[in-house]
Protein backbone atom coordinates (compact mmCIF):
# COMPACT_ATOMS: atom_id res chain seq x y z
CA UNK A 1 -23.83 7.30 20.06
CA UNK A 2 -27.45 7.40 18.95
CA UNK A 3 -28.33 6.64 15.19
CA UNK A 4 -31.93 7.61 13.62
CA UNK A 5 -32.90 6.29 10.39
CA UNK A 6 -35.86 8.03 8.59
CA UNK A 7 -37.21 7.25 4.84
CA UNK A 8 -37.48 9.81 2.44
CA UNK A 9 -38.20 13.26 3.83
CA UNK A 10 -41.61 13.43 5.74
CA UNK A 11 -41.49 9.96 6.68
CA UNK A 12 -41.68 8.28 10.08
CA UNK A 13 -38.65 8.12 12.43
CA UNK A 14 -37.21 5.08 14.22
CA UNK A 15 -34.57 5.81 17.12
CA UNK A 16 -32.31 3.12 18.28
CA UNK A 17 -28.95 2.75 20.19
CA UNK A 18 -26.63 1.63 17.73
CA UNK A 19 -23.14 0.17 18.85
CA UNK A 20 -22.84 -1.47 15.11
CA UNK A 21 -24.57 -0.32 12.03
CA UNK A 22 -27.29 -2.33 10.60
CA UNK A 23 -27.06 -3.24 7.07
CA UNK A 24 -29.94 -3.53 4.46
CA UNK A 25 -29.96 -5.99 1.59
CA UNK A 26 -28.06 -4.84 -1.48
CA UNK A 27 -31.14 -4.33 -3.41
CA UNK A 28 -32.67 -1.50 -1.57
CA UNK A 29 -31.88 1.77 -3.19
CA UNK A 30 -34.71 3.88 -1.42
CA UNK A 31 -33.32 7.22 -0.64
CA UNK A 32 -33.36 7.90 3.01
CA UNK A 33 -31.75 9.63 6.05
CA UNK A 34 -29.49 8.52 8.84
CA UNK A 35 -28.89 10.75 11.82
CA UNK A 36 -25.80 9.92 14.02
CA UNK A 37 -25.33 11.73 17.44
CA UNK A 38 -21.93 11.39 18.91
CA UNK A 39 -21.53 11.71 22.88
CA UNK A 40 -17.97 13.56 23.01
CA UNK A 41 -17.99 16.99 21.25
CA UNK A 42 -14.29 16.96 21.05
CA UNK A 43 -13.98 13.67 19.44
CA UNK A 44 -17.01 14.29 17.06
CA UNK A 45 -14.94 17.56 15.85
CA UNK A 46 -11.82 15.56 15.32
CA UNK A 47 -13.93 12.86 13.51
CA UNK A 48 -15.21 15.38 11.12
CA UNK A 49 -12.07 16.82 10.30
CA UNK A 50 -10.99 20.53 9.86
CA UNK A 51 -13.88 22.35 8.11
CA UNK A 52 -15.50 18.93 7.60
CA UNK A 53 -12.71 17.65 5.31
CA UNK A 54 -13.37 13.89 6.37
CA UNK A 55 -16.92 14.38 5.93
CA UNK A 56 -16.47 15.60 2.38
CA UNK A 57 -14.14 12.68 1.45
CA UNK A 58 -17.06 10.29 2.69
CA UNK A 59 -19.53 12.35 0.54
CA UNK A 60 -17.56 12.39 -2.48
CA UNK A 61 -16.87 8.61 -2.33
CA UNK A 62 -20.06 7.35 -1.76
CA UNK A 63 -22.15 10.09 -3.47
CA UNK A 64 -24.16 11.08 -0.49
CA UNK A 65 -24.81 14.18 1.62
CA UNK A 66 -23.50 14.63 4.94
CA UNK A 67 -24.79 17.63 7.06
CA UNK A 68 -23.01 18.44 10.23
CA UNK A 69 -24.65 20.20 13.09
CA UNK A 70 -22.58 20.37 16.49
CA UNK A 71 -22.14 16.74 17.36
CA UNK A 72 -24.71 15.40 14.87
CA UNK A 73 -24.46 14.57 11.38
CA UNK A 74 -27.09 13.71 8.96
CA UNK A 75 -26.43 11.23 6.14
CA UNK A 76 -28.74 11.38 3.00
CA UNK A 77 -28.64 9.39 -0.15
CA UNK A 78 -29.14 5.78 -1.07
CA UNK A 79 -29.65 3.56 2.03
CA UNK A 80 -26.80 1.33 1.08
CA UNK A 81 -24.47 4.42 0.76
CA UNK A 82 -25.74 5.79 4.02
CA UNK A 83 -25.20 2.32 5.94
CA UNK A 84 -21.74 2.35 4.54
CA UNK A 85 -20.98 6.05 5.57
CA UNK A 86 -22.37 5.21 9.04
CA UNK A 87 -20.06 2.11 9.62
CA UNK A 88 -17.18 4.26 8.40
CA UNK A 89 -17.85 6.99 10.86
CA UNK A 90 -18.61 4.49 13.78
CA UNK A 91 -15.10 2.59 13.03
CA UNK A 92 -13.45 6.11 12.92
CA UNK A 93 -15.04 7.11 16.15
CA UNK A 94 -14.05 3.88 17.88
CA UNK A 95 -10.60 4.68 16.74
CA UNK A 96 -10.60 7.98 18.51
CA UNK A 97 -12.27 6.81 21.80
CA UNK A 98 -9.32 4.46 22.13
CA UNK A 99 -6.67 7.46 21.95
CA UNK A 100 -5.89 6.96 18.20
CA UNK A 101 -5.66 9.54 15.48
CA UNK A 102 -7.28 10.30 12.39
CA UNK A 103 -5.42 11.49 9.19
CA UNK A 104 -7.26 12.04 5.93
CA UNK A 105 -5.62 8.71 4.47
CA UNK A 106 -7.26 6.97 7.31
CA UNK A 107 -10.86 7.80 6.08
CA UNK A 108 -9.76 6.50 2.65
CA UNK A 109 -8.30 3.53 4.27
CA UNK A 110 -11.57 2.56 6.29
CA UNK A 111 -13.48 3.16 3.13
CA UNK A 112 -11.44 0.93 1.25
CA UNK A 113 -11.43 -1.79 3.94
CA UNK A 114 -15.27 -1.38 4.21
CA UNK A 115 -15.39 -2.05 0.47
CA UNK A 116 -12.83 -5.01 0.56
CA UNK A 117 -15.17 -6.74 3.42
CA UNK A 118 -18.44 -7.08 1.09
CA UNK A 119 -21.52 -5.14 1.66
CA UNK A 120 -22.56 -6.52 4.86
CA UNK A 121 -19.03 -6.09 6.82
CA UNK A 122 -19.71 -9.28 8.70
CA UNK A 123 -17.10 -11.74 9.67
CA UNK A 124 -16.08 -13.98 6.77
CA UNK A 125 -15.23 -17.60 8.03
CA UNK A 126 -13.61 -18.19 4.89
CA UNK A 127 -10.93 -15.58 5.14
CA UNK A 128 -10.96 -15.61 8.88
CA UNK A 129 -10.42 -11.64 8.74
CA UNK A 130 -12.58 -8.80 9.93
CA UNK A 131 -10.24 -5.95 9.02
CA UNK A 132 -7.05 -5.17 7.58
CA UNK A 133 -3.77 -6.26 9.42
CA UNK A 134 -1.99 -3.72 11.21
CA UNK A 135 1.58 -3.27 12.94
CA UNK A 136 1.78 -2.41 16.71
CA UNK A 137 4.34 0.20 17.50
CA UNK A 138 4.82 1.93 20.88
CA UNK A 139 3.96 5.36 19.25
CA UNK A 140 0.91 4.16 17.28
CA UNK A 141 -0.35 1.31 15.55
CA UNK A 142 -0.02 1.26 11.75
CA UNK A 143 -3.02 -0.06 9.70
CA UNK A 144 -3.06 -1.35 6.27
CA UNK A 145 -5.14 0.99 4.08
CA UNK A 146 -5.64 -1.11 0.89
CA UNK A 147 -5.84 -4.81 0.07
CA UNK A 148 -2.45 -4.46 -1.33
CA UNK A 149 -1.09 -3.16 1.73
CA UNK A 150 -2.60 -5.75 3.94
CA UNK A 151 -1.11 -8.58 1.70
CA UNK A 152 2.18 -6.74 1.94
CA UNK A 153 2.04 -6.61 6.02
CA UNK A 154 0.86 -10.10 5.87
CA UNK A 155 3.85 -11.20 3.89
CA UNK A 156 6.28 -9.17 6.25
CA UNK A 157 5.17 -11.11 9.06
CA UNK A 158 5.20 -14.56 7.16
CA UNK A 159 8.22 -14.46 4.94
CA UNK A 160 12.15 -13.89 5.23
CA UNK A 161 12.72 -11.99 2.11
CA UNK A 162 9.77 -9.62 0.77
CA UNK A 163 9.72 -7.30 -2.25
CA UNK A 164 7.49 -4.63 -2.57
CA UNK A 165 6.98 -3.54 -6.02
CA UNK A 166 4.77 -0.64 -7.46
CA UNK A 167 4.40 2.97 -8.18
CA UNK A 168 5.34 5.89 -5.75
CA UNK A 169 2.81 6.58 -2.96
CA UNK A 170 1.74 3.23 -2.15
CA UNK A 171 3.35 2.98 1.10
CA UNK A 172 6.10 0.54 0.43
CA UNK A 173 8.92 1.95 2.18
CA UNK A 174 6.80 3.38 5.13
CA UNK A 175 5.35 0.07 5.91
CA UNK A 176 8.67 -1.41 5.44
CA UNK A 177 10.19 0.70 8.12
CA UNK A 178 7.28 0.29 10.37
CA UNK A 179 7.65 -3.39 10.24
CA UNK A 180 11.49 -2.92 10.97
CA UNK A 181 10.89 -0.80 13.84
CA UNK A 182 8.31 -3.16 15.13
CA UNK A 183 10.94 -5.89 15.15
CA UNK A 184 13.33 -3.66 16.69
CA UNK A 185 11.02 -2.48 19.64
CA UNK A 186 10.32 -6.07 20.62
CA UNK A 187 13.94 -7.29 20.37
CA UNK A 188 13.30 -9.70 17.57
CA UNK A 189 16.53 -8.18 15.79
CA UNK A 190 19.27 -6.29 17.37
CA UNK A 191 19.91 -4.01 14.28
CA UNK A 192 18.05 -2.05 11.49
CA UNK A 193 19.86 -1.36 8.61
CA UNK A 194 18.65 0.86 5.87
CA UNK A 195 20.16 1.24 2.63
CA UNK A 196 19.66 3.01 -0.83
CA UNK A 197 21.52 3.21 -3.98
CA UNK A 198 23.12 6.61 -4.23
CA UNK A 199 21.63 7.42 -7.69
CA UNK A 200 20.65 11.00 -8.81
CA UNK A 201 17.16 11.33 -10.24
CA UNK A 202 17.90 12.31 -13.80
CA UNK A 203 20.57 14.95 -12.73
CA UNK A 204 24.20 15.16 -11.96
CA UNK A 205 25.11 16.88 -8.73
CA UNK A 206 28.79 16.54 -9.04
CA UNK A 207 31.11 16.85 -6.11
CA UNK A 208 29.24 16.99 -2.64
CA UNK A 209 31.15 18.47 0.46
CA UNK A 210 31.41 16.86 3.76
CA UNK A 211 32.19 13.34 5.14
CA UNK A 212 30.54 10.33 3.94
CA UNK A 213 27.33 10.63 6.22
CA UNK A 214 26.97 14.03 4.96
CA UNK A 215 27.37 13.00 1.18
CA UNK A 216 24.70 10.15 1.40
CA UNK A 217 22.10 11.98 3.58
CA UNK A 218 20.39 13.63 0.85
CA UNK A 219 19.86 10.32 -0.71
CA UNK A 220 18.52 8.71 2.36
CA UNK A 221 16.14 11.49 3.47
CA UNK A 222 12.87 9.54 2.85
CA UNK A 223 14.13 6.97 5.32
CA UNK A 224 15.14 9.44 8.04
CA UNK A 225 11.41 10.97 7.61
CA UNK A 226 9.68 7.66 7.91
CA UNK A 227 11.77 6.76 11.02
CA UNK A 228 11.12 10.28 12.71
CA UNK A 229 7.17 9.76 11.96
CA UNK A 230 7.24 6.19 13.50
CA UNK A 231 9.55 6.64 16.43
CA UNK A 232 10.46 9.19 18.82
CA UNK A 233 12.84 11.45 17.56
CA UNK A 234 15.25 11.49 20.65
CA UNK A 235 15.09 7.60 20.46
CA UNK A 236 16.09 7.72 16.63
CA UNK A 237 18.93 9.95 17.44
CA UNK A 238 20.28 7.72 20.24
CA UNK A 239 19.85 4.49 18.18
CA UNK A 240 21.67 6.09 15.17
CA UNK A 241 24.50 7.23 17.67
CA UNK A 242 24.64 3.66 19.22
CA UNK A 243 24.57 1.45 15.84
CA UNK A 244 21.23 0.24 16.59
CA UNK A 245 20.05 2.07 13.47
CA UNK A 246 22.32 2.17 10.76
CA UNK A 247 21.69 3.94 7.31
CA UNK A 248 24.48 3.17 4.80
CA UNK A 249 24.64 3.42 0.88
CA UNK A 250 24.52 0.19 -1.01
CA UNK A 251 27.99 0.67 -2.29
CA UNK A 252 29.37 -0.26 1.47
CA UNK A 253 27.53 -3.26 1.86
CA UNK A 254 29.84 -5.66 -0.03
CA UNK A 255 31.54 -8.11 2.08
CA UNK A 256 29.24 -7.59 5.38
CA UNK A 257 27.09 -10.69 6.62
CA UNK A 258 23.86 -9.13 8.08
CA UNK A 259 22.98 -11.33 11.14
CA UNK A 260 20.27 -10.61 13.74
CA UNK A 261 19.01 -7.34 11.80
CA UNK A 262 16.09 -6.10 9.64
CA UNK A 263 17.50 -4.96 6.29
CA UNK A 264 15.82 -2.70 4.03
CA UNK A 265 16.83 -1.84 0.32
CA UNK A 266 14.70 1.13 -0.97
CA UNK A 267 14.70 2.40 -4.44
CA UNK A 268 15.92 -1.02 -5.57
CA UNK A 269 15.11 -0.25 -9.13
CA UNK A 270 18.31 1.79 -9.45
CA UNK A 271 20.41 -1.34 -8.51
CA UNK A 272 22.46 -3.32 -11.33
CA UNK A 273 22.03 -6.94 -11.44
CA UNK A 274 25.65 -7.32 -9.92
CA UNK A 275 24.51 -4.84 -6.98
CA UNK A 276 21.38 -6.85 -6.27
CA UNK A 277 22.85 -10.15 -6.22
CA UNK A 278 25.42 -8.79 -3.78
CA UNK A 279 23.08 -7.37 -1.59
CA UNK A 280 20.68 -10.31 -1.44
CA UNK A 281 23.61 -12.57 -0.39
CA UNK A 282 24.40 -10.47 2.61
CA UNK A 283 21.62 -12.11 4.38
CA UNK A 284 22.50 -13.87 7.63
CA UNK A 285 20.85 -15.81 10.40
CA UNK A 286 17.70 -14.51 12.21
CA UNK A 287 17.42 -11.71 9.83
CA UNK A 288 14.80 -10.31 7.69
CA UNK A 289 15.12 -8.55 4.25
CA UNK A 290 12.86 -5.98 2.56
CA UNK A 291 13.13 -4.68 -0.98
CA UNK A 292 11.19 -2.09 -2.26
CA UNK A 293 11.17 -0.27 -5.57
CA UNK A 294 9.31 1.29 -8.54
CA UNK A 295 10.07 -0.47 -11.97
CA UNK A 296 8.68 2.81 -13.80
CA UNK A 297 11.16 5.26 -12.15
CA UNK A 298 14.55 3.72 -13.23
CA UNK A 299 17.53 6.15 -13.15
CA UNK A 300 20.22 4.15 -14.21
CA UNK A 301 22.61 5.05 -17.08
CA UNK A 302 21.12 3.96 -20.54
CA UNK A 303 21.98 0.45 -21.31
CA UNK A 304 22.18 -0.83 -17.68
CA UNK A 305 19.28 -3.51 -16.70
CA UNK A 306 17.63 -2.79 -13.49
CA UNK A 307 18.60 -5.60 -10.81
CA UNK A 308 14.98 -5.28 -9.26
CA UNK A 309 12.96 -6.73 -12.35
CA UNK A 310 15.57 -9.46 -12.61
CA UNK A 311 15.60 -10.49 -9.06
CA UNK A 312 11.85 -10.44 -9.02
CA UNK A 313 11.61 -12.71 -12.10
CA UNK A 314 14.46 -15.35 -10.67
CA UNK A 315 13.30 -15.69 -7.14
CA UNK A 316 9.25 -15.36 -7.42
CA UNK A 317 8.96 -19.20 -6.72
CA UNK A 318 11.70 -19.60 -4.27
CA UNK A 319 10.61 -20.84 -0.84
CA UNK A 320 10.94 -18.08 1.85
CA UNK A 321 10.46 -15.37 -0.74
CA UNK A 322 7.26 -13.28 -1.60
CA UNK A 323 6.77 -10.64 -3.99
CA UNK A 324 4.09 -7.99 -3.36
CA UNK A 325 2.74 -5.87 -6.27
CA UNK A 326 1.01 -2.44 -5.88
CA UNK A 327 -1.02 -0.58 -8.50
CA UNK A 328 -2.14 3.11 -9.34
CA UNK A 329 -5.24 2.19 -7.16
CA UNK A 330 -3.09 1.37 -3.99
CA UNK A 331 -1.65 4.94 -3.90
CA UNK A 332 -2.64 6.28 -0.50
CA UNK A 333 -0.34 9.55 -0.47
CA UNK A 334 -2.82 11.87 -2.46
CA UNK A 335 -5.89 11.04 -4.57
CA UNK A 336 -4.26 13.12 -7.26
CA UNK A 337 -0.91 11.15 -7.29
CA UNK A 338 -3.07 7.89 -8.17
CA UNK A 339 -4.62 9.42 -11.17
CA UNK A 340 -1.24 10.70 -12.21
CA UNK A 341 0.29 7.27 -11.85
CA UNK A 342 -2.69 5.77 -13.91
CA UNK A 343 -2.07 8.45 -16.63
CA UNK A 344 1.70 7.70 -16.94
CA UNK A 345 1.00 3.88 -16.91
CA UNK A 346 -1.67 4.26 -19.79
CA UNK A 347 0.83 6.16 -21.71
CA UNK A 348 3.43 3.56 -21.32
CA UNK A 349 1.06 0.72 -22.37
CA UNK A 350 -0.08 2.59 -25.42
CA UNK A 351 3.91 2.98 -26.30
CA UNK A 352 4.13 -0.76 -25.89
CA UNK A 353 1.07 -1.51 -28.01
CA UNK A 354 2.45 0.55 -30.90
CA UNK A 355 5.82 -0.91 -30.38
CA UNK A 356 4.55 -4.53 -30.90
CA UNK A 357 4.41 -5.47 -34.39
CA UNK A 358 1.30 -6.89 -35.60
CA UNK A 359 1.01 -10.45 -36.12
CA UNK A 360 0.36 -11.80 -39.54
CA UNK A 361 -2.13 -14.52 -40.18
CA UNK A 362 -0.71 -17.81 -40.77
CA UNK A 363 -0.82 -18.93 -44.41
CA UNK A 364 -3.56 -21.59 -45.14
CA UNK A 365 -2.29 -24.99 -45.40
CA UNK A 366 -1.58 -26.15 -49.21
CA UNK A 367 -3.44 -29.38 -49.88
CA UNK A 368 -2.03 -31.34 -53.03
CA UNK A 369 -4.66 -33.15 -55.11
CA UNK A 370 -4.04 -36.86 -55.05
CA UNK A 371 -4.68 -38.67 -58.42
CA UNK A 372 -7.03 -41.38 -58.35
CA UNK A 373 -5.63 -44.97 -58.63
CA UNK A 374 -5.37 -46.50 -62.04
CA UNK A 375 -7.06 -49.87 -62.49
CA UNK A 376 -4.40 -52.77 -63.80
CA UNK A 377 -5.73 -54.43 -66.94
CA UNK A 378 -6.69 -58.07 -66.35
CA UNK A 379 -4.11 -60.80 -67.10
C-alpha cells in the first residue's frame, strides 16, 4: 500500500511507502490530502464496503471527504482527521489480508479503538495495551468494539462471576456467549448452560403447545442466534443433542450443582430476588458464571423487585465478582439504537428529578442574648 500526502490543493506532493501511519502534532489543523493506494483490488473493494458505506461511516465520524477511485482513496480534511482515517483504513485492510471479515460494526469499533488510544496511537507503557482485547474462536476472532466491551472481555478472563449491566445493543449477551464458546472449544469446561427467565415482554401469550423445549424456545431464541453466529451450525446441533450445550429456563435450575461448566443467565433483570439467589448458589467447581441484563427493561409484574439490581448492590465488592456497566454510547447494534436509548434515559432522568422533592434550606441557628454579668456591691 502506498500513501501520498499533499497540503492544500495545488501544493507539492510527497510519496512514501507507509506500513504504518505517521501522526502529526495535535495542533496542526491545516487542511490537506492523503491518498491511499491498496495493492489488492478485491480486498480494497471489501474495505470500502458496498457502495462505499464503510468510507461513508468514516466521513461522517471524522468530518472529512473520502473519494474512492478504483483501489485508491483520497482523504481530504484537517490533517489530524485524515491521519486518523488513514490509521483506521490501514488497520481494517491488515485484518482483511489476514483472512478476516469486516462488518459495519467493525468500522465503528476501530474508530472507537483509535479514539481511546489517544491521538498518536502509540504503545502506552502505562496500560501495556495497544488495542482492544479479543476472544479467539475457531470460526473467527471476536474483538471488542468499545472501551466498555474491552473491560468486559478482560473481566470475563479474570473473574469467576461477571455481571454485564446496560442497555440493549451493547453486546453483553453476544460477548458472553462468545467467551463461553471459547472455553468449550479449548476444553476448559465440559459444558455450556444457557438460561433465561421465561417472562413475556409486556404480553400474556397464554398456553403454548408442544413439549418443554418447544415451549421455552421462543424465549431463548437470542441465545440460539448467538451460537449459530459464533459456531458452525452442525457443531451446535451435535452439541445440543449430546448435552455439551444445554439451554434451559431458569425455573428448572433449582437443586442442581453446575460444575465444570460455563453458565450464562440472560435477561437477568426479569428474575426475582429469590430466583437470583437460587441461580447464584448453583455455581460449582471449575465453573464460570456470566449474568447479563438491562435494568431499564424489567417485565416483572408490578410490585416485584428485580433480583439483578439487588445482586449487583450486594456482590459488588465480593472477591471473585466483577460488575461491568454499559452506557448508551456503547451501543454497537446500530447508531440509531444508541440515540434511542439516550432519549429514553433522558426521559427517565427527568422523571426522577421531578419526583425528588426539593430540599428546604436549613433554618438559621437561633442565638440567644446572654445578659452581661452584674457587679456585686462591695462588702
